[in-house]
Structures are given as structure tokens and as C-alpha cells.
Amino acid sequence: MSGRASSPNEPLRLRLNPLQTERLVIRELTLADAAFTLELLNDPGFHQYIGDRGIRDIAGAEKYLRDGPITSYAKYGHGLWMVELKDGGGPVGICGLLQRDTLPQPDIGFAFLARYTGNGYGYESAFAVLHHGLNFLKIPVIVAITAEENPPSIALLEKLGFRFDKMIQMPAYPGPSRLFAYPANT
């Protein structure tokens, strides 16, 4: 990992060089990823478990990237990252750490195109991101939130070692959400 300072008045920002797993490359999203982002944000599973962001065109996807992940990288040094197949197979989803105003700790988030679920990419990328957050970014506690009924995400979080903490109400979500924490003893 390399660090750089933009100017003497700005804090040092550690940039994520691509994380790599056996099968995946996990890297920062860029505006060049707008077409993939548009597809992912309109995937039926994304709408069902995460919500409809109302993004229906490339310009909207670019705004989402600028206002979300790209701003998060600059502000926090982390955010949602692109998950791509290492063999050049292209993007399969996103996974990363989000800092929400409504949660005291960063939370891990992930979403994958339906055609790539069931291949272990969620676990593989979330494991890498979780350990990057704990060991490199030195985040002592990472949380996760899911829709009240989201069996695939709940199972993945439990496999990673997250444990259910409590039900919470997140702004802009119609129903309650499950809050999980890692390490599990918190």
C-alpha cells in the first residue's frame, strides 16, 4: 500500500491498491464503471434487499459514483469497491466499507449481480475487505446491516464471524434492519 499527501494542509490518505484474492481483484470504483454500476443498482436482488436508488441512466450512475464511493475514498480512505474476476472475466459486484452518519463504526457492504451469486465471490471479497479494514486500516469494530429478511447476506455475515447485535431503524429504509458486529464479542 502506498500513501500520498495531496498538499501540506491535507492529511495523508492511504490509497487502496487493488486487493487480490485467489480469484478476484478488488479495486476502487471510477467513473468508467458507470455502466456496470447502472446494471448492478437495477438488479432485482439489489432492489429487493438494498433498495431502489432511482438511478436509470449513465449520468445518474456517474453521480452515484462521484457522490458515494469516490467521495468516500477521499474523506475516509475507504468505500465500496469494485469486485472483478481476476482472469479478466469482468466485474461481478461491489464490496467495501461504508461510513454512515447513522452508525458509529464503518459497516461492510456488498452486492453482486444475480448471475454471479452462489460462486463464493461474496465470501471471498468480504473476507479480504474485512481483514483489510481490521489489519491495514486498523478499524477495531466493523458492523454490518441487512434487511430484516435477507437470508443470503445473513448467512454470509455469520460465516465471516459477524454476530447479530440488535434490530435498528435506518433512515430511508421502510422496515427494521438487522445490525451485526465483528468482532463478535462486542
Protein backbone atom coordinates (compact mmCIF):
# COMPACT_ATOMS: atom_id res chain seq x y z
CA MET A 1 0.00 0.00 0.00
CA SER A 2 1.23 3.44 -0.75
CA GLY A 3 0.42 6.75 0.88
CA ARG A 4 0.43 10.21 -0.57
CA ALA A 5 -0.35 13.71 0.60
CA SER A 6 -2.20 15.98 -1.83
CA SER A 7 -0.89 19.13 -0.17
CA PRO A 8 0.77 20.08 3.12
CA ASN A 9 -2.65 21.05 4.52
CA GLU A 10 -4.34 17.76 3.70
CA PRO A 11 -3.95 14.64 5.83
CA LEU A 12 -2.08 11.65 4.48
CA ARG A 13 -4.51 9.38 2.67
CA LEU A 14 -3.69 5.73 2.28
CA ARG A 15 -4.94 4.51 -1.06
CA LEU A 16 -6.18 1.04 -1.68
CA ASN A 17 -4.02 -0.69 -4.19
CA PRO A 18 -6.09 -3.49 -5.61
CA LEU A 19 -6.70 -6.22 -3.07
CA GLN A 20 -6.31 -9.61 -4.65
CA THR A 21 -7.68 -12.98 -3.66
CA GLU A 22 -7.26 -16.28 -5.42
CA ARG A 23 -9.96 -15.40 -7.97
CA LEU A 24 -10.74 -11.71 -7.51
CA VAL A 25 -9.36 -8.20 -7.81
CA ILE A 26 -10.97 -5.62 -5.50
CA ARG A 27 -10.29 -2.03 -6.51
CA GLU A 28 -11.63 1.48 -6.24
CA LEU A 29 -14.59 2.32 -8.45
CA THR A 30 -14.12 5.02 -11.08
CA LEU A 31 -16.46 6.89 -13.40
CA ALA A 32 -15.51 4.36 -16.09
CA ASP A 33 -17.55 1.84 -14.04
CA ALA A 34 -20.82 3.71 -14.58
CA ALA A 35 -22.37 1.14 -16.96
CA PHE A 36 -21.69 -1.71 -14.53
CA THR A 37 -22.97 0.41 -11.62
CA LEU A 38 -26.19 1.14 -13.52
CA GLU A 39 -26.72 -2.57 -14.12
CA LEU A 40 -26.00 -3.51 -10.51
CA LEU A 41 -28.21 -0.82 -8.98
CA ASN A 42 -31.09 -2.07 -11.13
CA ASP A 43 -30.56 -5.78 -10.45
CA PRO A 44 -33.76 -7.27 -8.92
CA GLY A 45 -31.80 -8.56 -5.90
CA PHE A 46 -30.36 -5.11 -5.25
CA HIS A 47 -33.87 -3.64 -5.29
CA GLN A 48 -35.21 -6.41 -3.05
CA TYR A 49 -32.55 -6.37 -0.34
CA ILE A 50 -30.89 -2.95 -0.56
CA GLY A 51 -33.42 -0.69 -2.24
CA ASP A 52 -34.18 1.18 -5.42
CA ARG A 53 -31.80 4.13 -5.73
CA GLY A 54 -33.83 5.57 -8.61
CA ILE A 55 -30.84 5.53 -10.96
CA ARG A 56 -31.93 4.81 -14.53
CA ASP A 57 -29.19 6.19 -16.77
CA ILE A 58 -25.41 6.54 -17.07
CA ALA A 59 -25.46 10.15 -15.85
CA GLY A 60 -27.25 9.02 -12.68
CA ALA A 61 -24.73 6.20 -12.18
CA GLU A 62 -21.84 8.65 -12.59
CA LYS A 63 -23.41 10.97 -9.99
CA TYR A 64 -23.88 7.99 -7.64
CA LEU A 65 -20.20 7.08 -8.04
CA ARG A 66 -18.99 10.68 -7.53
CA ASP A 67 -21.24 11.39 -4.53
CA GLY A 68 -20.82 7.95 -2.95
CA PRO A 69 -17.74 5.75 -3.35
CA ILE A 70 -15.37 8.34 -4.87
CA THR A 71 -16.21 10.93 -2.19
CA SER A 72 -15.86 8.26 0.49
CA TYR A 73 -12.33 7.33 -0.67
CA ALA A 74 -11.25 10.95 -0.33
CA LYS A 75 -12.99 11.53 3.01
CA TYR A 76 -12.40 8.22 4.83
CA GLY A 77 -9.82 6.27 2.84
CA HIS A 78 -12.34 3.52 2.12
CA GLY A 79 -15.72 2.96 0.49
CA LEU A 80 -17.44 0.50 -1.79
CA TRP A 81 -15.00 -1.18 -4.19
CA MET A 82 -15.38 -2.97 -7.49
CA VAL A 83 -15.07 -6.77 -7.39
CA GLU A 84 -13.75 -8.21 -10.65
CA LEU A 85 -12.77 -11.68 -11.77
CA LYS A 86 -9.00 -11.95 -11.79
CA ASP A 87 -8.95 -13.89 -15.05
CA GLY A 88 -10.29 -10.89 -16.97
CA GLY A 89 -13.88 -12.03 -16.69
CA GLY A 90 -15.05 -8.55 -15.74
CA PRO A 91 -16.99 -7.08 -12.84
CA VAL A 92 -19.22 -9.25 -10.68
CA GLY A 93 -20.21 -6.92 -7.83
CA ILE A 94 -19.15 -4.45 -5.18
CA CYS A 95 -17.85 -4.89 -1.65
CA GLY A 96 -16.37 -2.42 0.78
CA LEU A 97 -16.56 -0.39 3.94
CA LEU A 98 -19.03 2.45 4.31
CA GLN A 99 -19.03 5.20 6.92
CA ARG A 100 -22.63 6.19 7.52
CA ASP A 101 -23.69 9.20 9.58
CA THR A 102 -26.16 6.94 11.37
CA LEU A 103 -23.67 4.31 12.56
CA PRO A 104 -20.70 4.86 14.90
CA GLN A 105 -18.48 2.30 13.13
CA PRO A 106 -17.89 1.55 9.45
CA ASP A 107 -20.09 -1.17 8.03
CA ILE A 108 -19.24 -3.75 5.43
CA GLY A 109 -21.48 -3.79 2.39
CA PHE A 110 -21.68 -5.98 -0.67
CA ALA A 111 -23.89 -6.61 -3.69
CA PHE A 112 -23.42 -8.91 -6.66
CA LEU A 113 -25.15 -9.34 -9.97
CA ALA A 114 -27.58 -12.26 -9.74
CA ARG A 115 -25.72 -14.28 -12.38
CA TYR A 116 -22.62 -14.33 -10.14
CA THR A 117 -24.22 -15.32 -6.84
CA GLY A 118 -23.62 -18.79 -5.47
CA ASN A 119 -19.96 -18.89 -6.55
CA GLY A 120 -18.36 -17.81 -3.26
CA TYR A 121 -17.40 -14.36 -4.56
CA GLY A 122 -19.29 -12.64 -1.73
CA TYR A 123 -17.40 -14.51 0.96
CA GLU A 124 -14.04 -14.22 -0.80
CA SER A 125 -14.32 -10.47 -1.32
CA ALA A 126 -15.91 -9.71 2.07
CA PHE A 127 -13.20 -11.72 3.85
CA ALA A 128 -10.49 -9.68 2.07
CA VAL A 129 -12.24 -6.36 2.76
CA LEU A 130 -12.89 -7.25 6.41
CA HIS A 131 -9.27 -8.14 7.03
CA HIS A 132 -8.07 -5.06 5.13
CA GLY A 133 -10.24 -2.93 7.42
CA LEU A 134 -9.09 -4.63 10.61
CA ASN A 135 -5.40 -5.09 9.84
CA PHE A 136 -4.45 -2.26 7.47
CA LEU A 137 -6.97 0.48 8.28
CA LYS A 138 -6.88 -0.53 11.98
CA ILE A 139 -10.66 -0.28 12.41
CA PRO A 140 -11.33 -2.04 15.74
CA VAL A 141 -15.01 -2.82 15.17
CA ILE A 142 -16.80 -3.27 11.86
CA VAL A 143 -20.55 -3.63 11.71
CA ALA A 144 -22.97 -4.80 9.04
CA ILE A 145 -26.62 -4.18 8.35
CA THR A 146 -29.10 -6.26 6.40
CA ALA A 147 -32.76 -6.13 5.62
CA GLU A 148 -34.74 -7.93 8.31
CA GLU A 149 -35.23 -10.88 5.95
CA ASN A 150 -32.15 -11.37 3.78
CA PRO A 151 -31.08 -15.00 4.28
CA PRO A 152 -28.10 -14.93 1.84
CA SER A 153 -26.47 -11.88 3.45
CA ILE A 154 -27.21 -13.06 7.00
CA ALA A 155 -25.58 -16.43 6.24
CA LEU A 156 -22.54 -14.73 4.69
CA LEU A 157 -22.07 -12.40 7.66
CA GLU A 158 -22.32 -15.28 10.12
CA LYS A 159 -19.81 -17.30 8.08
CA LEU A 160 -17.41 -14.33 8.29
CA GLY A 161 -17.78 -14.28 12.10
CA PHE A 162 -20.25 -11.42 12.49
CA ARG A 163 -22.89 -11.88 15.17
CA PHE A 164 -26.35 -10.36 15.37
CA ASP A 165 -26.47 -7.46 17.81
CA LYS A 166 -29.92 -5.84 17.56
CA MET A 167 -32.65 -4.53 15.31
CA ILE A 168 -32.32 -0.89 14.23
CA GLN A 169 -34.23 1.54 12.05
CA MET A 170 -32.12 3.01 9.25
CA PRO A 171 -33.21 6.27 7.64
CA ALA A 172 -34.66 5.86 4.14
CA TYR A 173 -35.42 2.15 4.70
CA PRO A 174 -39.06 1.22 5.20
CA GLY A 175 -38.60 -1.59 7.72
CA PRO A 176 -36.23 -2.51 10.51
CA SER A 177 -32.70 -3.71 9.75
CA ARG A 178 -30.52 -6.28 11.48
CA LEU A 179 -27.27 -4.91 12.92
CA PHE A 180 -24.31 -7.30 13.14
CA ALA A 181 -20.88 -6.68 14.68
CA TYR A 182 -17.35 -8.01 14.19
CA PRO A 183 -15.51 -8.88 16.29
CA ALA A 184 -18.39 -10.96 17.53
CA ASN A 185 -17.64 -10.33 21.22
CA THR A 186 -18.59 -6.63 21.05
